[in-house]
PDB file of N, CA and C in Angstrom:
ATOM      1  N   MET A   1     -49.992 143.314 -90.373  1.00  0.00           N
ATOM      2  CA  MET A   1     -50.778 143.463 -91.569  1.00  0.00           C
ATOM      3  C   MET A   1     -50.582 144.885 -92.247  1.00  0.00           C
ATOM      4  N   GLU A   2     -50.291 144.880 -93.413  1.00  0.00           N
ATOM      5  CA  GLU A   2     -50.035 146.283 -94.145  1.00  0.00           C
ATOM      6  C   GLU A   2     -51.225 146.472 -95.013  1.00  0.00           C
ATOM      7  N   LEU A   3     -51.623 147.703 -95.168  1.00  0.00           N
ATOM      8  CA  LEU A   3     -52.604 148.057 -96.129  1.00  0.00           C
ATOM      9  C   LEU A   3     -51.993 148.423 -97.453  1.00  0.00           C
ATOM     10  N   LYS A   4     -52.388 147.819 -98.446  1.00  0.00           N
ATOM     11  CA  LYS A   4     -51.842 148.089 -99.776  1.00  0.00           C
ATOM     12  C   LYS A   4     -52.887 148.660-100.778  1.00  0.00           C
ATOM     13  N   ASN A   5     -52.444 149.448-101.565  1.00  0.00           N
ATOM     14  CA  ASN A   5     -53.380 149.960-102.642  1.00  0.00           C
ATOM     15  C   ASN A   5     -53.125 149.184-103.939  1.00  0.00           C
ATOM     16  N   ASP A   6     -53.830 149.509-104.977  1.00  0.00           N
ATOM     17  CA  ASP A   6     -53.711 148.765-106.353  1.00  0.00           C
ATOM     18  C   ASP A   6     -52.298 148.724-106.774  1.00  0.00           C
ATOM     19  N   ARG A   7     -51.454 149.684-106.536  1.00  0.00           N
ATOM     20  CA  ARG A   7     -50.145 149.728-107.108  1.00  0.00           C
ATOM     21  C   ARG A   7     -49.090 149.047-106.130  1.00  0.00           C
ATOM     22  N   ASN A   8     -49.616 148.269-105.151  1.00  0.00           N
ATOM     23  CA  ASN A   8     -48.765 147.647-104.203  1.00  0.00           C
ATOM     24  C   ASN A   8     -47.828 148.456-103.336  1.00  0.00           C
ATOM     25  N   GLN A   9     -48.284 149.687-102.978  1.00  0.00           N
ATOM     26  CA  GLN A   9     -47.475 150.547-102.269  1.00  0.00           C
ATOM     27  C   GLN A   9     -48.229 150.600-100.872  1.00  0.00           C
ATOM     28  N   GLN A  10     -47.363 150.899 -99.812  1.00  0.00           N
ATOM     29  CA  GLN A  10     -47.954 151.181 -98.570  1.00  0.00           C
ATOM     30  C   GLN A  10     -49.011 152.279 -98.566  1.00  0.00           C
ATOM     31  N   ARG A  11     -50.126 152.113 -97.974  1.00  0.00           N
ATOM     32  CA  ARG A  11     -51.148 153.155 -98.009  1.00  0.00           C
ATOM     33  C   ARG A  11     -50.863 154.172 -96.885  1.00  0.00           C
ATOM     34  N   GLN A  12     -51.096 155.442 -97.133  1.00  0.00           N
ATOM     35  CA  GLN A  12     -50.937 156.489 -96.241  1.00  0.00           C
ATOM     36  C   GLN A  12     -52.239 156.799 -95.515  1.00  0.00           C
ATOM     37  N   LEU A  13     -52.314 157.172 -94.299  1.00  0.00           N
ATOM     38  CA  LEU A  13     -53.414 157.486 -93.593  1.00  0.00           C
ATOM     39  C   LEU A  13     -53.882 158.853 -94.071  1.00  0.00           C
ATOM     40  N   ASN A  14     -55.073 158.988 -94.511  1.00  0.00           N
ATOM     41  CA  ASN A  14     -55.579 160.318 -94.952  1.00  0.00           C
ATOM     42  C   ASN A  14     -56.227 160.918 -93.643  1.00  0.00           C
ATOM     43  N   GLY A  15     -56.736 162.123 -93.774  1.00  0.00           N
ATOM     44  CA  GLY A  15     -57.294 162.813 -92.622  1.00  0.00           C
ATOM     45  C   GLY A  15     -58.496 162.111 -92.000  1.00  0.00           C
ATOM     46  N   LYS A  16     -59.378 161.490 -92.939  1.00  0.00           N
ATOM     47  CA  LYS A  16     -60.518 160.827 -92.431  1.00  0.00           C
ATOM     48  C   LYS A  16     -60.158 159.546 -91.591  1.00  0.00           C
ATOM     49  N   MET A  17     -59.069 158.767 -92.082  1.00  0.00           N
ATOM     50  CA  MET A  17     -58.772 157.573 -91.444  1.00  0.00           C
ATOM     51  C   MET A  17     -58.111 157.984 -90.107  1.00  0.00           C
ATOM     52  N   CYS A  18     -57.235 159.001 -90.126  1.00  0.00           N
ATOM     53  CA  CYS A  18     -56.675 159.440 -88.906  1.00  0.00           C
ATOM     54  C   CYS A  18     -57.605 159.903 -87.773  1.00  0.00           C
ATOM     55  N   LYS A  19     -58.669 160.582 -88.241  1.00  0.00           N
ATOM     56  CA  LYS A  19     -59.808 160.939 -87.300  1.00  0.00           C
ATOM     57  C   LYS A  19     -60.483 159.785 -86.730  1.00  0.00           C
ATOM     58  N   ARG A  20     -60.693 158.810 -87.453  1.00  0.00           N
ATOM     59  CA  ARG A  20     -61.429 157.554 -87.012  1.00  0.00           C
ATOM     60  C   ARG A  20     -60.493 156.786 -86.030  1.00  0.00           C
ATOM     61  N   PHE A  21     -59.215 156.765 -86.322  1.00  0.00           N
ATOM     62  CA  PHE A  21     -58.246 156.172 -85.416  1.00  0.00           C
ATOM     63  C   PHE A  21     -58.247 156.866 -84.122  1.00  0.00           C
ATOM     64  N   LEU A  22     -58.119 158.228 -84.124  1.00  0.00           N
ATOM     65  CA  LEU A  22     -57.985 159.025 -82.967  1.00  0.00           C
ATOM     66  C   LEU A  22     -59.277 158.901 -82.167  1.00  0.00           C
ATOM     67  N   ASN A  23     -60.551 158.706 -82.850  1.00  0.00           N
ATOM     68  CA  ASN A  23     -61.654 158.616 -82.090  1.00  0.00           C
ATOM     69  C   ASN A  23     -61.780 157.231 -81.334  1.00  0.00           C
ATOM     70  N   ALA A  24     -61.163 156.258 -82.042  1.00  0.00           N
ATOM     71  CA  ALA A  24     -61.153 154.851 -81.484  1.00  0.00           C
ATOM     72  C   ALA A  24     -60.092 154.630 -80.488  1.00  0.00           C
ATOM     73  N   LEU A  25     -59.062 155.585 -80.432  1.00  0.00           N
ATOM     74  CA  LEU A  25     -57.914 155.378 -79.497  1.00  0.00           C
ATOM     75  C   LEU A  25     -58.146 155.089 -78.079  1.00  0.00           C
ATOM     76  N   PRO A  26     -59.125 155.945 -77.487  1.00  0.00           N
ATOM     77  CA  PRO A  26     -59.308 155.677 -76.055  1.00  0.00           C
ATOM     78  C   PRO A  26     -59.742 154.170 -75.704  1.00  0.00           C
ATOM     79  N   ALA A  27     -60.553 153.699 -76.602  1.00  0.00           N
ATOM     80  CA  ALA A  27     -60.933 152.237 -76.350  1.00  0.00           C
ATOM     81  C   ALA A  27     -59.778 151.299 -76.697  1.00  0.00           C
ATOM     82  N   ILE A  28     -58.911 151.646 -77.652  1.00  0.00           N
ATOM     83  CA  ILE A  28     -57.746 150.757 -77.865  1.00  0.00           C
ATOM     84  C   ILE A  28     -56.863 150.830 -76.702  1.00  0.00           C
ATOM     85  N   ILE A  29     -56.631 152.062 -76.144  1.00  0.00           N
ATOM     86  CA  ILE A  29     -55.758 152.174 -75.009  1.00  0.00           C
ATOM     87  C   ILE A  29     -56.280 151.409 -73.812  1.00  0.00           C
ATOM     88  N   ASP A  30     -57.638 151.410 -73.602  1.00  0.00           N
ATOM     89  CA  ASP A  30     -58.303 150.658 -72.514  1.00  0.00           C
ATOM     90  C   ASP A  30     -57.942 149.130 -72.763  1.00  0.00           C
ATOM     91  N   LEU A  31     -57.960 148.636 -73.941  1.00  0.00           N
ATOM     92  CA  LEU A  31     -57.747 147.167 -74.222  1.00  0.00           C
ATOM     93  C   LEU A  31     -56.300 146.848 -74.085  1.00  0.00           C
ATOM     94  N   LEU A  32     -55.398 147.771 -74.496  1.00  0.00           N
ATOM     95  CA  LEU A  32     -54.043 147.284 -74.546  1.00  0.00           C
ATOM     96  C   LEU A  32     -53.048 147.719 -73.283  1.00  0.00           C
ATOM     97  N   ILE A  33     -53.628 148.663 -72.400  1.00  0.00           N
ATOM     98  CA  ILE A  33     -52.737 149.066 -71.446  1.00  0.00           C
ATOM     99  C   ILE A  33     -53.480 148.739 -70.098  1.00  0.00           C
ATOM    100  N   PRO A  34     -52.949 147.647 -69.336  1.00  0.00           N
ATOM    101  CA  PRO A  34     -53.597 147.225 -68.120  1.00  0.00           C
ATOM    102  C   PRO A  34     -53.561 148.081 -66.894  1.00  0.00           C
ATOM    103  N   ASP A  35     -52.432 148.837 -66.795  1.00  0.00           N
ATOM    104  CA  ASP A  35     -52.246 149.743 -65.647  1.00  0.00           C
ATOM    105  C   ASP A  35     -53.037 150.937 -65.827  1.00  0.00           C
ATOM    106  N   GLU A  36     -53.821 151.305 -64.811  1.00  0.00           N
ATOM    107  CA  GLU A  36     -54.762 152.386 -64.892  1.00  0.00           C
ATOM    108  C   GLU A  36     -53.954 153.766 -64.920  1.00  0.00           C
ATOM    109  N   ASP A  37     -52.952 153.919 -64.115  1.00  0.00           N
ATOM    110  CA  ASP A  37     -52.236 155.214 -64.267  1.00  0.00           C
ATOM    111  C   ASP A  37     -51.524 155.462 -65.558  1.00  0.00           C
ATOM    112  N   ARG A  38     -50.946 154.447 -66.114  1.00  0.00           N
ATOM    113  CA  ARG A  38     -50.328 154.508 -67.427  1.00  0.00           C
ATOM    114  C   ARG A  38     -51.408 154.743 -68.493  1.00  0.00           C
ATOM    115  N   ARG A  39     -52.578 154.139 -68.398  1.00  0.00           N
ATOM    116  CA  ARG A  39     -53.712 154.402 -69.350  1.00  0.00           C
ATOM    117  C   ARG A  39     -54.070 155.881 -69.302  1.00  0.00           C
ATOM    118  N   HIS A  40     -54.164 156.331 -68.091  1.00  0.00           N
ATOM    119  CA  HIS A  40     -54.609 157.818 -67.911  1.00  0.00           C
ATOM    120  C   HIS A  40     -53.578 158.721 -68.589  1.00  0.00           C
ATOM    121  N   GLU A  41     -52.267 158.363 -68.351  1.00  0.00           N
ATOM    122  CA  GLU A  41     -51.152 159.139 -69.009  1.00  0.00           C
ATOM    123  C   GLU A  41     -51.327 159.148 -70.573  1.00  0.00           C
ATOM    124  N   TRP A  42     -51.586 157.919 -71.098  1.00  0.00           N
ATOM    125  CA  TRP A  42     -51.612 157.846 -72.604  1.00  0.00           C
ATOM    126  C   TRP A  42     -52.971 158.688 -73.056  1.00  0.00           C
ATOM    127  N   LYS A  43     -53.977 158.608 -72.324  1.00  0.00           N
ATOM    128  CA  LYS A  43     -55.184 159.280 -72.745  1.00  0.00           C
ATOM    129  C   LYS A  43     -54.988 160.805 -72.718  1.00  0.00           C
ATOM    130  N   LEU A  44     -54.217 161.357 -71.629  1.00  0.00           N
ATOM    131  CA  LEU A  44     -53.922 162.736 -71.588  1.00  0.00           C
ATOM    132  C   LEU A  44     -52.977 163.126 -72.749  1.00  0.00           C
ATOM    133  N   ALA A  45     -52.067 162.254 -73.103  1.00  0.00           N
ATOM    134  CA  ALA A  45     -51.196 162.548 -74.199  1.00  0.00           C
ATOM    135  C   ALA A  45     -51.931 162.548 -75.575  1.00  0.00           C
ATOM    136  N   MET A  46     -52.979 161.770 -75.830  1.00  0.00           N
ATOM    137  CA  MET A  46     -53.773 161.672 -76.959  1.00  0.00           C
ATOM    138  C   MET A  46     -54.717 162.828 -77.019  1.00  0.00           C
ATOM    139  N   GLU A  47     -55.179 163.347 -75.930  1.00  0.00           N
ATOM    140  CA  GLU A  47     -56.040 164.539 -75.879  1.00  0.00           C
ATOM    141  C   GLU A  47     -55.204 165.770 -76.363  1.00  0.00           C
ATOM    142  N   GLU A  48     -53.977 165.746 -75.809  1.00  0.00           N
ATOM    143  CA  GLU A  48     -53.063 166.870 -76.183  1.00  0.00           C
ATOM    144  C   GLU A  48     -52.848 166.833 -77.764  1.00  0.00           C
ATOM    145  N   TRP A  49     -52.568 165.633 -78.172  1.00  0.00           N
ATOM    146  CA  TRP A  49     -52.330 165.346 -79.727  1.00  0.00           C
ATOM    147  C   TRP A  49     -53.554 165.771 -80.481  1.00  0.00           C
ATOM    148  N   ASN A  50     -54.626 165.368 -80.072  1.00  0.00           N
ATOM    149  CA  ASN A  50     -55.878 165.806 -80.736  1.00  0.00           C
ATOM    150  C   ASN A  50     -56.067 167.335 -80.872  1.00  0.00           C
ATOM    151  N   HIS A  51     -55.768 168.021 -79.727  1.00  0.00           N
ATOM    152  CA  HIS A  51     -55.886 169.423 -79.763  1.00  0.00           C
ATOM    153  C   HIS A  51     -54.851 170.077 -80.780  1.00  0.00           C
ATOM    154  N   ILE A  52     -53.652 169.499 -80.719  1.00  0.00           N
ATOM    155  CA  ILE A  52     -52.595 170.094 -81.717  1.00  0.00           C
ATOM    156  C   ILE A  52     -52.978 169.810 -83.051  1.00  0.00           C
ATOM    157  N   ILE A  53     -53.472 168.671 -83.447  1.00  0.00           N
ATOM    158  CA  ILE A  53     -53.923 168.244 -84.718  1.00  0.00           C
ATOM    159  C   ILE A  53     -55.156 169.202 -85.264  1.00  0.00           C
ATOM    160  N   GLN A  54     -56.072 169.504 -84.306  1.00  0.00           N
ATOM    161  CA  GLN A  54     -57.177 170.460 -84.643  1.00  0.00           C
ATOM    162  C   GLN A  54     -56.621 171.809 -84.956  1.00  0.00           C
ATOM    163  N   VAL A  55     -55.616 172.323 -84.183  1.00  0.00           N
ATOM    164  CA  VAL A  55     -55.063 173.618 -84.545  1.00  0.00           C
ATOM    165  C   VAL A  55     -54.291 173.628 -85.884  1.00  0.00           C
ATOM    166  N   LEU A  56     -53.425 172.543 -85.966  1.00  0.00           N
ATOM    167  CA  LEU A  56     -52.612 172.560 -87.255  1.00  0.00           C
ATOM    168  C   LEU A  56     -53.433 172.233 -88.517  1.00  0.00           C
ATOM    169  N   SER A  57     -54.609 171.673 -88.304  1.00  0.00           N
ATOM    170  CA  SER A  57     -55.432 171.363 -89.467  1.00  0.00           C
ATOM    171  C   SER A  57     -56.313 172.552 -90.058  1.00  0.00           C
ATOM    172  N   CYS A  58     -56.361 173.607 -89.167  1.00  0.00           N
ATOM    173  CA  CYS A  58     -57.101 174.688 -89.561  1.00  0.00           C
ATOM    174  C   CYS A  58     -56.348 175.354 -90.804  1.00  0.00           C
ATOM    175  N   GLN A  59     -57.088 175.641 -91.827  1.00  0.00           N
ATOM    176  CA  GLN A  59     -56.481 176.019 -93.062  1.00  0.00           C
ATOM    177  C   GLN A  59     -56.444 177.556 -93.304  1.00  0.00           C
ATOM    178  N   CYS A  60     -56.960 178.279 -92.246  1.00  0.00           N
ATOM    179  CA  CYS A  60     -56.946 179.742 -92.291  1.00  0.00           C
ATOM    180  C   CYS A  60     -56.461 180.210 -90.883  1.00  0.00           C
ATOM    181  N   TYR A  61     -55.336 180.917 -90.803  1.00  0.00           N
ATOM    182  CA  TYR A  61     -54.714 181.270 -89.561  1.00  0.00           C
ATOM    183  C   TYR A  61     -55.594 182.245 -88.763  1.00  0.00           C
ATOM    184  N   ASP A  62     -56.398 182.970 -89.532  1.00  0.00           N
ATOM    185  CA  ASP A  62     -57.287 183.900 -88.894  1.00  0.00           C
ATOM    186  C   ASP A  62     -58.348 183.166 -88.042  1.00  0.00           C
ATOM    187  N   LYS A  63     -58.698 181.912 -88.339  1.00  0.00           N
ATOM    188  CA  LYS A  63     -59.743 181.110 -87.667  1.00  0.00           C
ATOM    189  C   LYS A  63     -59.082 180.436 -86.365  1.00  0.00           C
ATOM    190  N   ILE A  64     -57.866 180.515 -86.146  1.00  0.00           N
ATOM    191  CA  ILE A  64     -57.184 179.954 -84.952  1.00  0.00           C
ATOM    192  C   ILE A  64     -57.305 180.890 -83.890  1.00  0.00           C
ATOM    193  N   LEU A  65     -57.804 180.447 -82.674  1.00  0.00           N
ATOM    194  CA  LEU A  65     -57.893 181.434 -81.543  1.00  0.00           C
ATOM    195  C   LEU A  65     -56.376 181.907 -81.244  1.00  0.00           C
ATOM    196  N   PRO A  66     -56.298 183.191 -80.834  1.00  0.00           N
ATOM    197  CA  PRO A  66     -54.989 183.672 -80.402  1.00  0.00           C
ATOM    198  C   PRO A  66     -54.321 182.911 -79.336  1.00  0.00           C
ATOM    199  N   SER A  67     -55.137 182.546 -78.321  1.00  0.00           N
ATOM    200  CA  SER A  67     -54.628 181.739 -77.262  1.00  0.00           C
ATOM    201  C   SER A  67     -54.053 180.445 -77.674  1.00  0.00           C
ATOM    202  N   ASP A  68     -54.805 179.760 -78.657  1.00  0.00           N
ATOM    203  CA  ASP A  68     -54.350 178.478 -79.228  1.00  0.00           C
ATOM    204  C   ASP A  68     -52.989 178.613 -79.893  1.00  0.00           C
ATOM    205  N   ALA A  69     -52.940 179.796 -80.682  1.00  0.00           N
ATOM    206  CA  ALA A  69     -51.656 179.963 -81.360  1.00  0.00           C
ATOM    207  C   ALA A  69     -50.508 180.292 -80.452  1.00  0.00           C
ATOM    208  N   LYS A  70     -50.738 181.097 -79.464  1.00  0.00           N
ATOM    209  CA  LYS A  70     -49.674 181.387 -78.447  1.00  0.00           C
ATOM    210  C   LYS A  70     -49.218 180.053 -77.637  1.00  0.00           C
ATOM    211  N   GLN A  71     -50.205 179.207 -77.371  1.00  0.00           N
ATOM    212  CA  GLN A  71     -49.877 178.100 -76.521  1.00  0.00           C
ATOM    213  C   GLN A  71     -49.331 176.898 -77.403  1.00  0.00           C
ATOM    214  N   LEU A  72     -49.543 176.881 -78.639  1.00  0.00           N
ATOM    215  CA  LEU A  72     -49.162 175.771 -79.528  1.00  0.00           C
ATOM    216  C   LEU A  72     -47.659 175.263 -79.367  1.00  0.00           C
ATOM    217  N   PRO A  73     -46.711 176.198 -79.405  1.00  0.00           N
ATOM    218  CA  PRO A  73     -45.341 175.663 -79.261  1.00  0.00           C
ATOM    219  C   PRO A  73     -45.217 174.885 -77.956  1.00  0.00           C
ATOM    220  N   SER A  74     -45.667 175.377 -76.819  1.00  0.00           N
ATOM    221  CA  SER A  74     -45.403 174.690 -75.588  1.00  0.00           C
ATOM    222  C   SER A  74     -46.254 173.477 -75.446  1.00  0.00           C
ATOM    223  N   ARG A  75     -47.461 173.396 -76.105  1.00  0.00           N
ATOM    224  CA  ARG A  75     -48.275 172.200 -76.112  1.00  0.00           C
ATOM    225  C   ARG A  75     -47.606 171.103 -76.975  1.00  0.00           C
ATOM    226  N   ILE A  76     -46.943 171.530 -78.036  1.00  0.00           N
ATOM    227  CA  ILE A  76     -46.265 170.505 -78.875  1.00  0.00           C
ATOM    228  C   ILE A  76     -45.183 169.923 -78.093  1.00  0.00           C
ATOM    229  N   ARG A  77     -44.325 170.799 -77.487  1.00  0.00           N
ATOM    230  CA  ARG A  77     -43.214 170.365 -76.677  1.00  0.00           C
ATOM    231  C   ARG A  77     -43.659 169.282 -75.572  1.00  0.00           C
ATOM    232  N   SER A  78     -44.772 169.734 -74.804  1.00  0.00           N
ATOM    233  CA  SER A  78     -45.324 168.909 -73.867  1.00  0.00           C
ATOM    234  C   SER A  78     -45.776 167.489 -74.307  1.00  0.00           C
ATOM    235  N   PHE A  79     -46.456 167.573 -75.492  1.00  0.00           N
ATOM    236  CA  PHE A  79     -46.793 166.313 -76.054  1.00  0.00           C
ATOM    237  C   PHE A  79     -45.627 165.372 -76.411  1.00  0.00           C
ATOM    238  N   CYS A  80     -44.600 166.060 -77.055  1.00  0.00           N
ATOM    239  CA  CYS A  80     -43.407 165.279 -77.378  1.00  0.00           C
ATOM    240  C   CYS A  80     -42.800 164.596 -76.218  1.00  0.00           C
ATOM    241  N   VAL A  81     -42.530 165.372 -75.079  1.00  0.00           N
ATOM    242  CA  VAL A  81     -41.984 164.804 -73.968  1.00  0.00           C
ATOM    243  C   VAL A  81     -42.813 163.736 -73.366  1.00  0.00           C
ATOM    244  N   LYS A  82     -44.136 163.889 -73.382  1.00  0.00           N
ATOM    245  CA  LYS A  82     -45.048 162.792 -72.909  1.00  0.00           C
ATOM    246  C   LYS A  82     -44.854 161.495 -73.797  1.00  0.00           C
ATOM    247  N   MET A  83     -44.802 161.696 -74.943  1.00  0.00           N
ATOM    248  CA  MET A  83     -44.575 160.535 -75.946  1.00  0.00           C
ATOM    249  C   MET A  83     -43.317 159.814 -75.713  1.00  0.00           C
ATOM    250  N   ILE A  84     -42.242 160.550 -75.534  1.00  0.00           N
ATOM    251  CA  ILE A  84     -40.964 159.935 -75.248  1.00  0.00           C
ATOM    252  C   ILE A  84     -41.032 159.112 -73.959  1.00  0.00           C
ATOM    253  N   ASP A  85     -41.545 159.718 -72.924  1.00  0.00           N
ATOM    254  CA  ASP A  85     -41.826 158.991 -71.741  1.00  0.00           C
ATOM    255  C   ASP A  85     -42.658 157.797 -71.843  1.00  0.00           C
ATOM    256  N   LEU A  86     -43.750 157.888 -72.513  1.00  0.00           N
ATOM    257  CA  LEU A  86     -44.664 156.807 -72.708  1.00  0.00           C
ATOM    258  C   LEU A  86     -44.102 155.647 -73.565  1.00  0.00           C
ATOM    259  N   VAL A  87     -43.458 155.998 -74.585  1.00  0.00           N
ATOM    260  CA  VAL A  87     -42.991 154.925 -75.513  1.00  0.00           C
ATOM    261  C   VAL A  87     -41.659 154.377 -74.896  1.00  0.00           C
ATOM    262  N   GLY A  88     -40.890 155.170 -74.202  1.00  0.00           N
ATOM    263  CA  GLY A  88     -39.783 154.638 -73.524  1.00  0.00           C
ATOM    264  C   GLY A  88     -38.490 154.502 -74.416  1.00  0.00           C
ATOM    265  N   ASP A  89     -38.579 154.559 -75.655  1.00  0.00           N
ATOM    266  CA  ASP A  89     -37.333 154.397 -76.485  1.00  0.00           C
ATOM    267  C   ASP A  89     -37.527 155.415 -77.519  1.00  0.00           C
ATOM    268  N   VAL A  90     -36.719 156.442 -77.558  1.00  0.00           N
ATOM    269  CA  VAL A  90     -36.783 157.572 -78.468  1.00  0.00           C
ATOM    270  C   VAL A  90     -36.518 157.104 -79.849  1.00  0.00           C
ATOM    271  N   LYS A  91     -35.791 156.011 -80.058  1.00  0.00           N
ATOM    272  CA  LYS A  91     -35.507 155.424 -81.433  1.00  0.00           C
ATOM    273  C   LYS A  91     -36.836 154.972 -82.128  1.00  0.00           C
ATOM    274  N   ARG A  92     -37.816 154.690 -81.355  1.00  0.00           N
ATOM    275  CA  ARG A  92     -39.146 154.232 -81.982  1.00  0.00           C
ATOM    276  C   ARG A  92     -39.910 155.474 -82.501  1.00  0.00           C
ATOM    277  N   LEU A  93     -39.423 156.677 -82.162  1.00  0.00           N
ATOM    278  CA  LEU A  93     -40.145 157.875 -82.537  1.00  0.00           C
ATOM    279  C   LEU A  93     -39.276 158.725 -83.577  1.00  0.00           C
ATOM    280  N   GLN A  94     -38.353 157.944 -84.243  1.00  0.00           N
ATOM    281  CA  GLN A  94     -37.622 158.655 -85.271  1.00  0.00           C
ATOM    282  C   GLN A  94     -38.356 158.809 -86.568  1.00  0.00           C
ATOM    283  N   SER A  95     -38.872 159.912 -86.740  1.00  0.00           N
ATOM    284  CA  SER A  95     -39.520 160.236 -88.021  1.00  0.00           C
ATOM    285  C   SER A  95     -39.288 161.827 -88.181  1.00  0.00           C
ATOM    286  N   PHE A  96     -39.338 162.172 -89.507  1.00  0.00           N
ATOM    287  CA  PHE A  96     -39.067 163.539 -89.766  1.00  0.00           C
ATOM    288  C   PHE A  96     -40.246 164.432 -89.121  1.00  0.00           C
ATOM    289  N   TYR A  97     -41.495 163.902 -89.147  1.00  0.00           N
ATOM    290  CA  TYR A  97     -42.586 164.747 -88.547  1.00  0.00           C
ATOM    291  C   TYR A  97     -42.284 164.848 -87.047  1.00  0.00           C
ATOM    292  N   PHE A  98     -42.027 163.763 -86.352  1.00  0.00           N
ATOM    293  CA  PHE A  98     -41.858 163.936 -84.877  1.00  0.00           C
ATOM    294  C   PHE A  98     -40.582 164.811 -84.611  1.00  0.00           C
ATOM    295  N   HIS A  99     -39.574 164.706 -85.333  1.00  0.00           N
ATOM    296  CA  HIS A  99     -38.405 165.527 -85.213  1.00  0.00           C
ATOM    297  C   HIS A  99     -38.845 167.052 -85.473  1.00  0.00           C
ATOM    298  N   SER A 100     -39.619 167.238 -86.427  1.00  0.00           N
ATOM    299  CA  SER A 100     -40.042 168.648 -86.665  1.00  0.00           C
ATOM    300  C   SER A 100     -40.910 169.148 -85.600  1.00  0.00           C
ATOM    301  N   LEU A 101     -41.671 168.383 -84.942  1.00  0.00           N
ATOM    302  CA  LEU A 101     -42.469 168.787 -83.828  1.00  0.00           C
ATOM    303  C   LEU A 101     -41.545 169.031 -82.569  1.00  0.00           C
ATOM    304  N   MET A 102     -40.647 168.010 -82.279  1.00  0.00           N
ATOM    305  CA  MET A 102     -39.843 168.139 -81.082  1.00  0.00           C
ATOM    306  C   MET A 102     -38.928 169.201 -81.056  1.00  0.00           C
ATOM    307  N   VAL A 103     -38.259 169.566 -82.124  1.00  0.00           N
ATOM    308  CA  VAL A 103     -37.247 170.630 -82.139  1.00  0.00           C
ATOM    309  C   VAL A 103     -37.873 172.006 -82.344  1.00  0.00           C
ATOM    310  N   GLY A 104     -39.187 172.043 -82.624  1.00  0.00           N
ATOM    311  CA  GLY A 104     -39.885 173.378 -82.622  1.00  0.00           C
ATOM    312  C   GLY A 104     -40.016 173.895 -84.076  1.00  0.00           C
ATOM    313  N   HIS A 105     -39.677 173.235 -85.113  1.00  0.00           N
ATOM    314  CA  HIS A 105     -39.872 173.661 -86.419  1.00  0.00           C
ATOM    315  C   HIS A 105     -41.346 174.071 -86.739  1.00  0.00           C
ATOM    316  N   ILE A 106     -42.293 173.267 -86.239  1.00  0.00           N
ATOM    317  CA  ILE A 106     -43.668 173.509 -86.450  1.00  0.00           C
ATOM    318  C   ILE A 106     -44.265 174.584 -85.508  1.00  0.00           C
ATOM    319  N   GLY A 107     -44.000 174.496 -84.243  1.00  0.00           N
ATOM    320  CA  GLY A 107     -44.421 175.410 -83.326  1.00  0.00           C
ATOM    321  C   GLY A 107     -43.961 176.853 -83.497  1.00  0.00           C
ATOM    322  N   GLU A 108     -42.592 177.023 -84.010  1.00  0.00           N
ATOM    323  CA  GLU A 108     -42.149 178.389 -84.164  1.00  0.00           C
ATOM    324  C   GLU A 108     -42.875 179.193 -85.250  1.00  0.00           C
ATOM    325  N   GLN A 109     -43.686 178.509 -86.047  1.00  0.00           N
ATOM    326  CA  GLN A 109     -44.387 179.187 -87.087  1.00  0.00           C
ATOM    327  C   GLN A 109     -45.554 179.937 -86.410  1.00  0.00           C
ATOM    328  N   PHE A 110     -45.785 179.753 -85.141  1.00  0.00           N
ATOM    329  CA  PHE A 110     -47.011 180.427 -84.492  1.00  0.00           C
ATOM    330  C   PHE A 110     -46.298 181.370 -83.558  1.00  0.00           C
TER     331      PHE A 110
END
C-alpha cells in the first residue's frame, strides 16, 4: 500500500509521522519478530536511532549537550552496523541518507 497525495506522488514522511512511527515501533517489533533475542536487538537499535534523531533534530547547536555531540559519530556508526546485521542484506539499505550516516558525512559535522 502506498500513500499518495492529491498530485498522485508518493508521500514523504514528515517529522510528526516519523515520531508516531518510532513511538509505535516497539509494538510492531513485538508483533513481527518472534525470536526474543532478535526482538531485543531491534529494540536496542531503534533506541539508538531515536537518540540520534533527537540530536540531529535540534535546530540550535548550542542546545545539544557536549557529550551528545562528542558521542554522535560513534553512535551513528554503531547504529549503522547494527542495522546491517539486523537487515542482513546491505543492498536493502541503499539510500543516500543511510550512506551519509554510514560513511560519516553526518557525524563528522560534530
